[in-house]
Structure formats: structure tokens, C-alpha cells
Amino acid sequence: MNDEQSTFAEVEFNVVTEDDLLKTLIRFHREIVVPDIERIVDMKIAPLRNEMLANFDAVFKRLDRLESEYTALNAALHRVEDRLTVVDEKLDRFALRSEVIELKERVAILQRRIDELEKHII
């Protein structure tokens, strides 16, 4: 082989080699490097993700408990309001009774005065 043919063969060989090398590097990157990086990132992120999910679960559990307590307190408040209404009605009746009793006492006093005045007049 002469020099021109050997140089041409080397150039042709180098071009094919560079093309093959690029394809091989891309394949290496896709099949080896990317999965390895993903595995490393997942190892670092998984505990954080698990901790965040546990925190969310705790928050949701507390919200559920607070909602249950709110419902119970709301029902209890309605019962107290109902009982207070009954007590108010009883107090109103009691106040009316007291007023009736007081009026009866006043009528009795007035009746005695009338009786005394009639005695003096007759």
C-alpha cells in the first residue's frame, strides 16, 4: 500500500470509529450513566419524600380530628342553646308568677285600705 491509500484507510477508519464511538457513548450514557444517576438521586430523595408524606399524613390526621371535635362542639353548643331557651322560658314564667304574686299582694293591700276607708265612712 502506498502512503495515499494508507492515509485514506486511516481517515475512513477514523470516521467510522468516531461514529461508532459516539453511538457507543450515547448508549453507555443511556444504559449505564442515566440509570445510575437516577438510582443515586432516588436514594437521596426517597427519605425526604417519605418524610414529607408522613408529615402530610399527620397533618391530615390532625385536621380530621379537629373536624370531628368541631362537629362535636357544634352539636354540644346547639344542645346548650336549646337548654338555655328552655331555662329562659322557665325564668319568664317564674318572673310572671312573681309579678302575679306581687300584684295579688298589692290588691290585698288596696282591699284592706278600701275596707278601712269604708269603716271610717260608715
PDB file of N, CA and C in Angstrom:
ATOM      1  N   MET A   1       0.823  -1.172   0.000  1.00  0.00           N
ATOM      2  CA  MET A   1       0.000   0.000   0.000  1.00  0.00           C
ATOM      3  C   MET A   1       0.867   1.234   0.000  1.00  0.00           C
ATOM      4  N   ASN A   2       0.411   2.134  -0.745  1.00  0.00           N
ATOM      5  CA  ASN A   2       1.186   3.372  -0.766  1.00  0.00           C
ATOM      6  C   ASN A   2       0.675   4.285   0.334  1.00  0.00           C
ATOM      7  N   ASP A   3       1.329   5.421   0.450  1.00  0.00           N
ATOM      8  CA  ASP A   3       1.011   6.369   1.531  1.00  0.00           C
ATOM      9  C   ASP A   3      -0.400   6.936   1.388  1.00  0.00           C
ATOM     10  N   GLU A   4      -0.832   7.200   0.176  1.00  0.00           N
ATOM     11  CA  GLU A   4      -2.162   7.785  -0.019  1.00  0.00           C
ATOM     12  C   GLU A   4      -3.237   6.788   0.380  1.00  0.00           C
ATOM     13  N   GLN A   5      -3.049   5.561   0.006  1.00  0.00           N
ATOM     14  CA  GLN A   5      -4.050   4.560   0.351  1.00  0.00           C
ATOM     15  C   GLN A   5      -4.091   4.325   1.851  1.00  0.00           C
ATOM     16  N   SER A   6      -2.964   4.296   2.517  1.00  0.00           N
ATOM     17  CA  SER A   6      -2.955   4.062   3.961  1.00  0.00           C
ATOM     18  C   SER A   6      -3.559   5.259   4.686  1.00  0.00           C
ATOM     19  N   THR A   7      -3.318   6.477   4.244  1.00  0.00           N
ATOM     20  CA  THR A   7      -3.909   7.665   4.862  1.00  0.00           C
ATOM     21  C   THR A   7      -5.409   7.646   4.648  1.00  0.00           C
ATOM     22  N   PHE A   8      -5.855   7.306   3.445  1.00  0.00           N
ATOM     23  CA  PHE A   8      -7.285   7.247   3.160  1.00  0.00           C
ATOM     24  C   PHE A   8      -7.953   6.175   4.022  1.00  0.00           C
ATOM     25  N   ALA A   9      -7.308   5.066   4.183  1.00  0.00           N
ATOM     26  CA  ALA A   9      -7.846   3.982   5.008  1.00  0.00           C
ATOM     27  C   ALA A   9      -7.920   4.419   6.459  1.00  0.00           C
ATOM     28  N   GLU A  10      -6.911   5.131   6.943  1.00  0.00           N
ATOM     29  CA  GLU A  10      -6.918   5.611   8.324  1.00  0.00           C
ATOM     30  C   GLU A  10      -8.041   6.620   8.525  1.00  0.00           C
ATOM     31  N   VAL A  11      -8.217   7.529   7.572  1.00  0.00           N
ATOM     32  CA  VAL A  11      -9.273   8.538   7.665  1.00  0.00           C
ATOM     33  C   VAL A  11     -10.628   7.841   7.662  1.00  0.00           C
ATOM     34  N   GLU A  12     -10.800   6.902   6.749  1.00  0.00           N
ATOM     35  CA  GLU A  12     -12.052   6.164   6.692  1.00  0.00           C
ATOM     36  C   GLU A  12     -12.260   5.385   7.978  1.00  0.00           C
ATOM     37  N   PHE A  13     -11.253   4.778   8.489  1.00  0.00           N
ATOM     38  CA  PHE A  13     -11.323   4.018   9.732  1.00  0.00           C
ATOM     39  C   PHE A  13     -11.634   4.952  10.886  1.00  0.00           C
ATOM     40  N   ASN A  14     -10.994   6.126  10.933  1.00  0.00           N
ATOM     41  CA  ASN A  14     -11.249   7.095  11.995  1.00  0.00           C
ATOM     42  C   ASN A  14     -12.682   7.611  11.940  1.00  0.00           C
ATOM     43  N   VAL A  15     -13.218   7.879  10.764  1.00  0.00           N
ATOM     44  CA  VAL A  15     -14.591   8.370  10.638  1.00  0.00           C
ATOM     45  C   VAL A  15     -15.552   7.318  11.162  1.00  0.00           C
ATOM     46  N   VAL A  16     -15.382   6.113  10.748  1.00  0.00           N
ATOM     47  CA  VAL A  16     -16.241   5.031  11.219  1.00  0.00           C
ATOM     48  C   VAL A  16     -16.056   4.858  12.712  1.00  0.00           C
ATOM     49  N   THR A  17     -14.890   4.949  13.199  1.00  0.00           N
ATOM     50  CA  THR A  17     -14.613   4.795  14.617  1.00  0.00           C
ATOM     51  C   THR A  17     -15.244   5.925  15.415  1.00  0.00           C
ATOM     52  N   GLU A  18     -15.155   7.152  14.936  1.00  0.00           N
ATOM     53  CA  GLU A  18     -15.756   8.275  15.656  1.00  0.00           C
ATOM     54  C   GLU A  18     -17.270   8.122  15.693  1.00  0.00           C
ATOM     55  N   ASP A  19     -17.868   7.704  14.607  1.00  0.00           N
ATOM     56  CA  ASP A  19     -19.313   7.475  14.551  1.00  0.00           C
ATOM     57  C   ASP A  19     -19.703   6.370  15.521  1.00  0.00           C
ATOM     58  N   ASP A  20     -18.956   5.280  15.457  1.00  0.00           N
ATOM     59  CA  ASP A  20     -19.226   4.175  16.370  1.00  0.00           C
ATOM     60  C   ASP A  20     -18.999   4.591  17.816  1.00  0.00           C
ATOM     61  N   LEU A  21     -17.960   5.369  18.045  1.00  0.00           N
ATOM     62  CA  LEU A  21     -17.654   5.839  19.394  1.00  0.00           C
ATOM     63  C   LEU A  21     -18.782   6.709  19.924  1.00  0.00           C
ATOM     64  N   LEU A  22     -19.300   7.603  19.105  1.00  0.00           N
ATOM     65  CA  LEU A  22     -20.406   8.469  19.517  1.00  0.00           C
ATOM     66  C   LEU A  22     -21.629   7.630  19.850  1.00  0.00           C
ATOM     67  N   LYS A  23     -21.960   6.674  19.006  1.00  0.00           N
ATOM     68  CA  LYS A  23     -23.102   5.803  19.273  1.00  0.00           C
ATOM     69  C   LYS A  23     -22.885   5.002  20.546  1.00  0.00           C
ATOM     70  N   THR A  24     -21.678   4.525  20.735  1.00  0.00           N
ATOM     71  CA  THR A  24     -21.360   3.753  21.929  1.00  0.00           C
ATOM     72  C   THR A  24     -21.453   4.614  23.180  1.00  0.00           C
ATOM     73  N   LEU A  25     -20.954   5.844  23.100  1.00  0.00           N
ATOM     74  CA  LEU A  25     -21.043   6.756  24.249  1.00  0.00           C
ATOM     75  C   LEU A  25     -22.503   7.104  24.580  1.00  0.00           C
ATOM     76  N   ILE A  26     -23.287   7.333  23.554  1.00  0.00           N
ATOM     77  CA  ILE A  26     -24.714   7.622  23.776  1.00  0.00           C
ATOM     78  C   ILE A  26     -25.387   6.418  24.429  1.00  0.00           C
ATOM     79  N   ARG A  27     -25.106   5.253  23.933  1.00  0.00           N
ATOM     80  CA  ARG A  27     -25.687   4.037  24.509  1.00  0.00           C
ATOM     81  C   ARG A  27     -25.201   3.840  25.943  1.00  0.00           C
ATOM     82  N   PHE A  28     -23.912   4.049  26.189  1.00  0.00           N
ATOM     83  CA  PHE A  28     -23.356   3.940  27.544  1.00  0.00           C
ATOM     84  C   PHE A  28     -24.053   4.931  28.471  1.00  0.00           C
ATOM     85  N   HIS A  29     -24.213   6.155  28.008  1.00  0.00           N
ATOM     86  CA  HIS A  29     -24.858   7.185  28.817  1.00  0.00           C
ATOM     87  C   HIS A  29     -26.304   6.779  29.140  1.00  0.00           C
ATOM     88  N   ARG A  30     -27.039   6.320  28.125  1.00  0.00           N
ATOM     89  CA  ARG A  30     -28.449   5.966  28.297  1.00  0.00           C
ATOM     90  C   ARG A  30     -28.608   4.720  29.170  1.00  0.00           C
ATOM     91  N   GLU A  31     -27.769   3.717  28.985  1.00  0.00           N
ATOM     92  CA  GLU A  31     -27.953   2.442  29.672  1.00  0.00           C
ATOM     93  C   GLU A  31     -27.220   2.348  31.007  1.00  0.00           C
ATOM     94  N   ILE A  32     -26.160   3.084  31.193  1.00  0.00           N
ATOM     95  CA  ILE A  32     -25.351   2.951  32.410  1.00  0.00           C
ATOM     96  C   ILE A  32     -25.403   4.213  33.270  1.00  0.00           C
ATOM     97  N   VAL A  33     -25.046   5.346  32.690  1.00  0.00           N
ATOM     98  CA  VAL A  33     -24.902   6.575  33.475  1.00  0.00           C
ATOM     99  C   VAL A  33     -26.259   7.075  33.973  1.00  0.00           C
ATOM    100  N   VAL A  34     -27.236   7.201  33.093  1.00  0.00           N
ATOM    101  CA  VAL A  34     -28.543   7.742  33.486  1.00  0.00           C
ATOM    102  C   VAL A  34     -29.199   6.875  34.565  1.00  0.00           C
ATOM    103  N   PRO A  35     -29.282   5.560  34.401  1.00  0.00           N
ATOM    104  CA  PRO A  35     -29.877   4.753  35.470  1.00  0.00           C
ATOM    105  C   PRO A  35     -29.112   4.875  36.793  1.00  0.00           C
ATOM    106  N   ASP A  36     -27.802   4.970  36.716  1.00  0.00           N
ATOM    107  CA  ASP A  36     -27.005   5.109  37.934  1.00  0.00           C
ATOM    108  C   ASP A  36     -27.300   6.451  38.618  1.00  0.00           C
ATOM    109  N   ILE A  37     -27.364   7.515  37.844  1.00  0.00           N
ATOM    110  CA  ILE A  37     -27.680   8.835  38.411  1.00  0.00           C
ATOM    111  C   ILE A  37     -29.091   8.818  38.999  1.00  0.00           C
ATOM    112  N   GLU A  38     -30.052   8.207  38.265  1.00  0.00           N
ATOM    113  CA  GLU A  38     -31.424   8.131  38.779  1.00  0.00           C
ATOM    114  C   GLU A  38     -31.480   7.355  40.089  1.00  0.00           C
ATOM    115  N   ARG A  39     -30.723   6.269  40.170  1.00  0.00           N
ATOM    116  CA  ARG A  39     -30.682   5.472  41.398  1.00  0.00           C
ATOM    117  C   ARG A  39     -30.122   6.291  42.548  1.00  0.00           C
ATOM    118  N   ILE A  40     -29.046   7.034  42.304  1.00  0.00           N
ATOM    119  CA  ILE A  40     -28.431   7.859  43.349  1.00  0.00           C
ATOM    120  C   ILE A  40     -29.394   8.969  43.794  1.00  0.00           C
ATOM    121  N   VAL A  41     -30.022   9.620  42.842  1.00  0.00           N
ATOM    122  CA  VAL A  41     -30.975  10.692  43.172  1.00  0.00           C
ATOM    123  C   VAL A  41     -32.154  10.117  43.946  1.00  0.00           C
ATOM    124  N   ASP A  42     -32.666   8.962  43.486  1.00  0.00           N
ATOM    125  CA  ASP A  42     -33.786   8.331  44.199  1.00  0.00           C
ATOM    126  C   ASP A  42     -33.399   7.967  45.626  1.00  0.00           C
ATOM    127  N   MET A  43     -32.168   7.494  45.818  1.00  0.00           N
ATOM    128  CA  MET A  43     -31.710   7.159  47.173  1.00  0.00           C
ATOM    129  C   MET A  43     -31.700   8.390  48.064  1.00  0.00           C
ATOM    130  N   LYS A  44     -31.368   9.535  47.507  1.00  0.00           N
ATOM    131  CA  LYS A  44     -31.316  10.769  48.287  1.00  0.00           C
ATOM    132  C   LYS A  44     -32.707  11.363  48.489  1.00  0.00           C
ATOM    133  N   ILE A  45     -33.571  11.249  47.485  1.00  0.00           N
ATOM    134  CA  ILE A  45     -34.888  11.883  47.540  1.00  0.00           C
ATOM    135  C   ILE A  45     -35.907  11.020  48.282  1.00  0.00           C
ATOM    136  N   ALA A  46     -35.789   9.705  48.215  1.00  0.00           N
ATOM    137  CA  ALA A  46     -36.788   8.807  48.803  1.00  0.00           C
ATOM    138  C   ALA A  46     -37.018   9.092  50.287  1.00  0.00           C
ATOM    139  N   PRO A  47     -35.963   9.234  51.116  1.00  0.00           N
ATOM    140  CA  PRO A  47     -36.229   9.530  52.531  1.00  0.00           C
ATOM    141  C   PRO A  47     -36.960  10.860  52.729  1.00  0.00           C
ATOM    142  N   LEU A  48     -36.592  11.868  51.942  1.00  0.00           N
ATOM    143  CA  LEU A  48     -37.267  13.155  52.030  1.00  0.00           C
ATOM    144  C   LEU A  48     -38.736  13.024  51.625  1.00  0.00           C
ATOM    145  N   ARG A  49     -38.979  12.303  50.535  1.00  0.00           N
ATOM    146  CA  ARG A  49     -40.353  12.086  50.077  1.00  0.00           C
ATOM    147  C   ARG A  49     -41.158  11.343  51.148  1.00  0.00           C
ATOM    148  N   ASN A  50     -40.571  10.309  51.734  1.00  0.00           N
ATOM    149  CA  ASN A  50     -41.258   9.546  52.774  1.00  0.00           C
ATOM    150  C   ASN A  50     -41.560  10.425  53.994  1.00  0.00           C
ATOM    151  N   GLU A  51     -40.599  11.262  54.355  1.00  0.00           N
ATOM    152  CA  GLU A  51     -40.804  12.163  55.496  1.00  0.00           C
ATOM    153  C   GLU A  51     -41.920  13.167  55.192  1.00  0.00           C
ATOM    154  N   MET A  52     -41.923  13.712  53.990  1.00  0.00           N
ATOM    155  CA  MET A  52     -42.967  14.669  53.605  1.00  0.00           C
ATOM    156  C   MET A  52     -44.335  13.995  53.605  1.00  0.00           C
ATOM    157  N   LEU A  53     -44.424  12.789  53.077  1.00  0.00           N
ATOM    158  CA  LEU A  53     -45.695  12.076  53.057  1.00  0.00           C
ATOM    159  C   LEU A  53     -46.158  11.756  54.473  1.00  0.00           C
ATOM    160  N   ALA A  54     -45.225  11.395  55.349  1.00  0.00           N
ATOM    161  CA  ALA A  54     -45.582  11.134  56.743  1.00  0.00           C
ATOM    162  C   ALA A  54     -46.095  12.412  57.407  1.00  0.00           C
ATOM    163  N   ASN A  55     -45.452  13.539  57.096  1.00  0.00           N
ATOM    164  CA  ASN A  55     -45.915  14.809  57.657  1.00  0.00           C
ATOM    165  C   ASN A  55     -47.303  15.169  57.143  1.00  0.00           C
ATOM    166  N   PHE A  56     -47.543  14.954  55.850  1.00  0.00           N
ATOM    167  CA  PHE A  56     -48.870  15.212  55.296  1.00  0.00           C
ATOM    168  C   PHE A  56     -49.912  14.310  55.960  1.00  0.00           C
ATOM    169  N   ASP A  57     -49.548  13.042  56.150  1.00  0.00           N
ATOM    170  CA  ASP A  57     -50.479  12.129  56.817  1.00  0.00           C
ATOM    171  C   ASP A  57     -50.803  12.620  58.223  1.00  0.00           C
ATOM    172  N   ALA A  58     -49.790  13.099  58.943  1.00  0.00           N
ATOM    173  CA  ALA A  58     -50.011  13.608  60.299  1.00  0.00           C
ATOM    174  C   ALA A  58     -50.901  14.845  60.276  1.00  0.00           C
ATOM    175  N   VAL A  59     -50.662  15.726  59.317  1.00  0.00           N
ATOM    176  CA  VAL A  59     -51.494  16.938  59.206  1.00  0.00           C
ATOM    177  C   VAL A  59     -52.936  16.556  58.881  1.00  0.00           C
ATOM    178  N   PHE A  60     -53.135  15.639  57.950  1.00  0.00           N
ATOM    179  CA  PHE A  60     -54.490  15.222  57.595  1.00  0.00           C
ATOM    180  C   PHE A  60     -55.181  14.548  58.778  1.00  0.00           C
ATOM    181  N   LYS A  61     -54.418  13.772  59.541  1.00  0.00           N
ATOM    182  CA  LYS A  61     -54.990  13.108  60.721  1.00  0.00           C
ATOM    183  C   LYS A  61     -55.438  14.148  61.740  1.00  0.00           C
ATOM    184  N   ARG A  62     -54.594  15.162  61.971  1.00  0.00           N
ATOM    185  CA  ARG A  62     -54.960  16.229  62.919  1.00  0.00           C
ATOM    186  C   ARG A  62     -56.158  17.018  62.413  1.00  0.00           C
ATOM    187  N   LEU A  63     -56.196  17.309  61.103  1.00  0.00           N
ATOM    188  CA  LEU A  63     -57.346  18.018  60.545  1.00  0.00           C
ATOM    189  C   LEU A  63     -58.625  17.203  60.707  1.00  0.00           C
ATOM    190  N   ASP A  64     -58.527  15.904  60.505  1.00  0.00           N
ATOM    191  CA  ASP A  64     -59.694  15.040  60.670  1.00  0.00           C
ATOM    192  C   ASP A  64     -60.163  15.067  62.119  1.00  0.00           C
ATOM    193  N   ARG A  65     -59.217  14.991  63.050  1.00  0.00           N
ATOM    194  CA  ARG A  65     -59.567  15.038  64.475  1.00  0.00           C
ATOM    195  C   ARG A  65     -60.178  16.396  64.830  1.00  0.00           C
ATOM    196  N   LEU A  66     -59.601  17.480  64.294  1.00  0.00           N
ATOM    197  CA  LEU A  66     -60.146  18.813  64.560  1.00  0.00           C
ATOM    198  C   LEU A  66     -61.553  18.953  63.987  1.00  0.00           C
ATOM    199  N   GLU A  67     -61.764  18.391  62.813  1.00  0.00           N
ATOM    200  CA  GLU A  67     -63.093  18.453  62.217  1.00  0.00           C
ATOM    201  C   GLU A  67     -64.096  17.684  63.075  1.00  0.00           C
ATOM    202  N   SER A  68     -63.692  16.529  63.578  1.00  0.00           N
ATOM    203  CA  SER A  68     -64.575  15.751  64.453  1.00  0.00           C
ATOM    204  C   SER A  68     -64.877  16.528  65.733  1.00  0.00           C
ATOM    205  N   GLU A  69     -63.850  17.144  66.316  1.00  0.00           N
ATOM    206  CA  GLU A  69     -64.058  17.936  67.531  1.00  0.00           C
ATOM    207  C   GLU A  69     -64.957  19.131  67.247  1.00  0.00           C
ATOM    208  N   TYR A  70     -64.775  19.763  66.089  1.00  0.00           N
ATOM    209  CA  TYR A  70     -65.622  20.899  65.721  1.00  0.00           C
ATOM    210  C   TYR A  70     -67.074  20.457  65.627  1.00  0.00           C
ATOM    211  N   THR A  71     -67.311  19.317  64.994  1.00  0.00           N
ATOM    212  CA  THR A  71     -68.672  18.804  64.854  1.00  0.00           C
ATOM    213  C   THR A  71     -69.274  18.511  66.226  1.00  0.00           C
ATOM    214  N   ALA A  72     -68.483  17.883  67.107  1.00  0.00           N
ATOM    215  CA  ALA A  72     -68.975  17.568  68.450  1.00  0.00           C
ATOM    216  C   ALA A  72     -69.265  18.846  69.238  1.00  0.00           C
ATOM    217  N   LEU A  73     -68.364  19.822  69.140  1.00  0.00           N
ATOM    218  CA  LEU A  73     -68.577  21.090  69.851  1.00  0.00           C
ATOM    219  C   LEU A  73     -69.789  21.835  69.305  1.00  0.00           C
ATOM    220  N   ASN A  74     -69.959  21.803  68.005  1.00  0.00           N
ATOM    221  CA  ASN A  74     -71.101  22.464  67.389  1.00  0.00           C
ATOM    222  C   ASN A  74     -72.408  21.831  67.876  1.00  0.00           C
ATOM    223  N   ALA A  75     -72.462  20.502  67.934  1.00  0.00           N
ATOM    224  CA  ALA A  75     -73.655  19.809  68.421  1.00  0.00           C
ATOM    225  C   ALA A  75     -73.894  20.133  69.897  1.00  0.00           C
ATOM    226  N   ALA A  76     -72.821  20.150  70.682  1.00  0.00           N
ATOM    227  CA  ALA A  76     -72.954  20.475  72.102  1.00  0.00           C
ATOM    228  C   ALA A  76     -73.455  21.906  72.284  1.00  0.00           C
ATOM    229  N   LEU A  77     -72.969  22.808  71.474  1.00  0.00           N
ATOM    230  CA  LEU A  77     -73.410  24.205  71.560  1.00  0.00           C
ATOM    231  C   LEU A  77     -74.898  24.322  71.237  1.00  0.00           C
ATOM    232  N   HIS A  78     -75.359  23.580  70.252  1.00  0.00           N
ATOM    233  CA  HIS A  78     -76.789  23.601  69.924  1.00  0.00           C
ATOM    234  C   HIS A  78     -77.620  23.058  71.094  1.00  0.00           C
ATOM    235  N   ARG A  79     -77.125  22.007  71.747  1.00  0.00           N
ATOM    236  CA  ARG A  79     -77.845  21.468  72.907  1.00  0.00           C
ATOM    237  C   ARG A  79     -77.889  22.493  74.031  1.00  0.00           C
ATOM    238  N   VAL A  80     -76.764  23.180  74.275  1.00  0.00           N
ATOM    239  CA  VAL A  80     -76.727  24.209  75.313  1.00  0.00           C
ATOM    240  C   VAL A  80     -77.683  25.343  74.973  1.00  0.00           C
ATOM    241  N   GLU A  81     -77.706  25.764  73.703  1.00  0.00           N
ATOM    242  CA  GLU A  81     -78.628  26.828  73.290  1.00  0.00           C
ATOM    243  C   GLU A  81     -80.073  26.404  73.498  1.00  0.00           C
ATOM    244  N   ASP A  82     -80.390  25.149  73.163  1.00  0.00           N
ATOM    245  CA  ASP A  82     -81.752  24.652  73.357  1.00  0.00           C
ATOM    246  C   ASP A  82     -82.122  24.655  74.842  1.00  0.00           C
ATOM    247  N   ARG A  83     -81.212  24.189  75.676  1.00  0.00           N
ATOM    248  CA  ARG A  83     -81.473  24.174  77.124  1.00  0.00           C
ATOM    249  C   ARG A  83     -81.597  25.590  77.658  1.00  0.00           C
ATOM    250  N   LEU A  84     -80.786  26.504  77.142  1.00  0.00           N
ATOM    251  CA  LEU A  84     -80.855  27.895  77.586  1.00  0.00           C
ATOM    252  C   LEU A  84     -82.199  28.513  77.202  1.00  0.00           C
ATOM    253  N   THR A  85     -82.704  28.148  76.048  1.00  0.00           N
ATOM    254  CA  THR A  85     -84.023  28.635  75.636  1.00  0.00           C
ATOM    255  C   THR A  85     -85.094  28.145  76.616  1.00  0.00           C
ATOM    256  N   VAL A  86     -85.011  26.875  76.999  1.00  0.00           N
ATOM    257  CA  VAL A  86     -85.969  26.317  77.968  1.00  0.00           C
ATOM    258  C   VAL A  86     -85.842  27.036  79.298  1.00  0.00           C
ATOM    259  N   VAL A  87     -84.603  27.276  79.743  1.00  0.00           N
ATOM    260  CA  VAL A  87     -84.379  27.969  81.012  1.00  0.00           C
ATOM    261  C   VAL A  87     -84.935  29.392  80.942  1.00  0.00           C
ATOM    262  N   ASP A  88     -84.706  30.067  79.812  1.00  0.00           N
ATOM    263  CA  ASP A  88     -85.246  31.419  79.644  1.00  0.00           C
ATOM    264  C   ASP A  88     -86.765  31.415  79.735  1.00  0.00           C
ATOM    265  N   GLU A  89     -87.393  30.435  79.096  1.00  0.00           N
ATOM    266  CA  GLU A  89     -88.853  30.345  79.161  1.00  0.00           C
ATOM    267  C   GLU A  89     -89.317  30.119  80.596  1.00  0.00           C
ATOM    268  N   LYS A  90     -88.615  29.250  81.320  1.00  0.00           N
ATOM    269  CA  LYS A  90     -88.975  28.997  82.723  1.00  0.00           C
ATOM    270  C   LYS A  90     -88.781  30.253  83.556  1.00  0.00           C
ATOM    271  N   LEU A  91     -87.693  30.967  83.304  1.00  0.00           N
ATOM    272  CA  LEU A  91     -87.457  32.210  84.049  1.00  0.00           C
ATOM    273  C   LEU A  91     -88.533  33.240  83.745  1.00  0.00           C
ATOM    274  N   ASP A  92     -88.932  33.311  82.479  1.00  0.00           N
ATOM    275  CA  ASP A  92     -90.008  34.233  82.122  1.00  0.00           C
ATOM    276  C   ASP A  92     -91.293  33.867  82.860  1.00  0.00           C
ATOM    277  N   ARG A  93     -91.619  32.580  82.907  1.00  0.00           N
ATOM    278  CA  ARG A  93     -92.818  32.143  83.630  1.00  0.00           C
ATOM    279  C   ARG A  93     -92.683  32.433  85.124  1.00  0.00           C
ATOM    280  N   PHE A  94     -91.476  32.195  85.646  1.00  0.00           N
ATOM    281  CA  PHE A  94     -91.238  32.471  87.060  1.00  0.00           C
ATOM    282  C   PHE A  94     -91.384  33.966  87.343  1.00  0.00           C
ATOM    283  N   ALA A  95     -90.852  34.793  86.445  1.00  0.00           N
ATOM    284  CA  ALA A  95     -90.965  36.242  86.610  1.00  0.00           C
ATOM    285  C   ALA A  95     -92.429  36.656  86.551  1.00  0.00           C
ATOM    286  N   LEU A  96     -93.201  36.055  85.650  1.00  0.00           N
ATOM    287  CA  LEU A  96     -94.629  36.349  85.579  1.00  0.00           C
ATOM    288  C   LEU A  96     -95.333  35.933  86.861  1.00  0.00           C
ATOM    289  N   ARG A  97     -94.977  34.774  87.371  1.00  0.00           N
ATOM    290  CA  ARG A  97     -95.574  34.319  88.636  1.00  0.00           C
ATOM    291  C   ARG A  97     -95.249  35.299  89.749  1.00  0.00           C
ATOM    292  N   SER A  98     -93.981  35.720  89.779  1.00  0.00           N
ATOM    293  CA  SER A  98     -93.582  36.679  90.816  1.00  0.00           C
ATOM    294  C   SER A  98     -94.373  37.969  90.671  1.00  0.00           C
ATOM    295  N   GLU A  99     -94.548  38.423  89.446  1.00  0.00           N
ATOM    296  CA  GLU A  99     -95.323  39.645  89.226  1.00  0.00           C
ATOM    297  C   GLU A  99     -96.775  39.450  89.625  1.00  0.00           C
ATOM    298  N   VAL A 100     -97.344  38.285  89.327  1.00  0.00           N
ATOM    299  CA  VAL A 100     -98.725  37.992  89.717  1.00  0.00           C
ATOM    300  C   VAL A 100     -98.845  37.985  91.233  1.00  0.00           C
ATOM    301  N   ILE A 101     -97.887  37.344  91.887  1.00  0.00           N
ATOM    302  CA  ILE A 101     -97.907  37.300  93.356  1.00  0.00           C
ATOM    303  C   ILE A 101     -97.797  38.712  93.924  1.00  0.00           C
ATOM    304  N   GLU A 102     -96.899  39.501  93.355  1.00  0.00           N
ATOM    305  CA  GLU A 102     -96.743  40.886  93.817  1.00  0.00           C
ATOM    306  C   GLU A 102     -98.025  41.681  93.585  1.00  0.00           C
ATOM    307  N   LEU A 103     -98.659  41.493  92.438  1.00  0.00           N
ATOM    308  CA  LEU A 103     -99.918  42.184  92.158  1.00  0.00           C
ATOM    309  C   LEU A 103    -101.016  41.735  93.119  1.00  0.00           C
ATOM    310  N   LYS A 104    -101.067  40.465  93.425  1.00  0.00           N
ATOM    311  CA  LYS A 104    -102.056  39.965  94.395  1.00  0.00           C
ATOM    312  C   LYS A 104    -101.831  40.598  95.757  1.00  0.00           C
ATOM    313  N   GLU A 105    -100.546  40.734  96.141  1.00  0.00           N
ATOM    314  CA  GLU A 105    -100.245  41.379  97.424  1.00  0.00           C
ATOM    315  C   GLU A 105    -100.687  42.832  97.404  1.00  0.00           C
ATOM    316  N   ARG A 106    -100.466  43.519  96.301  1.00  0.00           N
ATOM    317  CA  ARG A 106    -100.892  44.913  96.187  1.00  0.00           C
ATOM    318  C   ARG A 106    -102.417  45.030  96.225  1.00  0.00           C
ATOM    319  N   VAL A 107    -103.085  44.110  95.517  1.00  0.00           N
ATOM    320  CA  VAL A 107    -104.550  44.108  95.542  1.00  0.00           C
ATOM    321  C   VAL A 107    -105.039  43.875  96.958  1.00  0.00           C
ATOM    322  N   ALA A 108    -104.396  42.968  97.674  1.00  0.00           N
ATOM    323  CA  ALA A 108    -104.794  42.700  99.065  1.00  0.00           C
ATOM    324  C   ALA A 108    -104.598  43.938  99.925  1.00  0.00           C
ATOM    325  N   ILE A 109    -103.483  44.631  99.730  1.00  0.00           N
ATOM    326  CA  ILE A 109    -103.226  45.865 100.489  1.00  0.00           C
ATOM    327  C   ILE A 109    -104.282  46.904 100.138  1.00  0.00           C
ATOM    328  N   LEU A 110    -104.577  47.064  98.849  1.00  0.00           N
ATOM    329  CA  LEU A 110    -105.584  48.026  98.424  1.00  0.00           C
ATOM    330  C   LEU A 110    -106.960  47.634  98.980  1.00  0.00           C
ATOM    331  N   GLN A 111    -107.259  46.341  98.978  1.00  0.00           N
ATOM    332  CA  GLN A 111    -108.536  45.880  99.514  1.00  0.00           C
ATOM    333  C   GLN A 111    -108.649  46.216 100.997  1.00  0.00           C
ATOM    334  N   ARG A 112    -107.555  46.051 101.747  1.00  0.00           N
ATOM    335  CA  ARG A 112    -107.578  46.405 103.180  1.00  0.00           C
ATOM    336  C   ARG A 112    -107.801  47.896 103.347  1.00  0.00           C
ATOM    337  N   ARG A 113    -107.158  48.699 102.517  1.00  0.00           N
ATOM    338  CA  ARG A 113    -107.347  50.151 102.612  1.00  0.00           C
ATOM    339  C   ARG A 113    -108.801  50.529 102.307  1.00  0.00           C
ATOM    340  N   ILE A 114    -109.341  49.886 101.274  1.00  0.00           N
ATOM    341  CA  ILE A 114    -110.738  50.157 100.936  1.00  0.00           C
ATOM    342  C   ILE A 114    -111.640  49.776 102.114  1.00  0.00           C
ATOM    343  N   ASP A 115    -111.362  48.604 102.701  1.00  0.00           N
ATOM    344  CA  ASP A 115    -112.156  48.150 103.844  1.00  0.00           C
ATOM    345  C   ASP A 115    -112.048  49.150 104.996  1.00  0.00           C
ATOM    346  N   GLU A 116    -110.824  49.640 105.245  1.00  0.00           N
ATOM    347  CA  GLU A 116    -110.624  50.612 106.327  1.00  0.00           C
ATOM    348  C   GLU A 116    -111.362  51.911 106.014  1.00  0.00           C
ATOM    349  N   LEU A 117    -111.289  52.348 104.763  1.00  0.00           N
ATOM    350  CA  LEU A 117    -111.987  53.571 104.383  1.00  0.00           C
ATOM    351  C   LEU A 117    -113.504  53.409 104.496  1.00  0.00           C
ATOM    352  N   GLU A 118    -114.025  52.265 104.134  1.00  0.00           N
ATOM    353  CA  GLU A 118    -115.446  52.022 104.252  1.00  0.00           C
ATOM    354  C   GLU A 118    -115.871  52.046 105.728  1.00  0.00           C
ATOM    355  N   LYS A 119    -115.030  51.519 106.609  1.00  0.00           N
ATOM    356  CA  LYS A 119    -115.327  51.504 108.040  1.00  0.00           C
ATOM    357  C   LYS A 119    -115.382  52.937 108.563  1.00  0.00           C
ATOM    358  N   HIS A 120    -114.484  53.764 108.117  1.00  0.00           N
ATOM    359  CA  HIS A 120    -114.440  55.146 108.573  1.00  0.00           C
ATOM    360  C   HIS A 120    -115.638  55.920 108.019  1.00  0.00           C
ATOM    361  N   ILE A 121    -116.052  55.589 106.838  1.00  0.00           N
ATOM    362  CA  ILE A 121    -117.153  56.316 106.211  1.00  0.00           C
ATOM    363  C   ILE A 121    -118.478  55.843 106.843  1.00  0.00           C
ATOM    364  N   ILE A 122    -118.607  54.670 107.113  1.00  0.00           N
ATOM    365  CA  ILE A 122    -119.885  54.196 107.636  1.00  0.00           C
ATOM    366  C   ILE A 122    -119.970  54.453 109.086  1.00  0.00           C
TER     367      ILE A 122
END
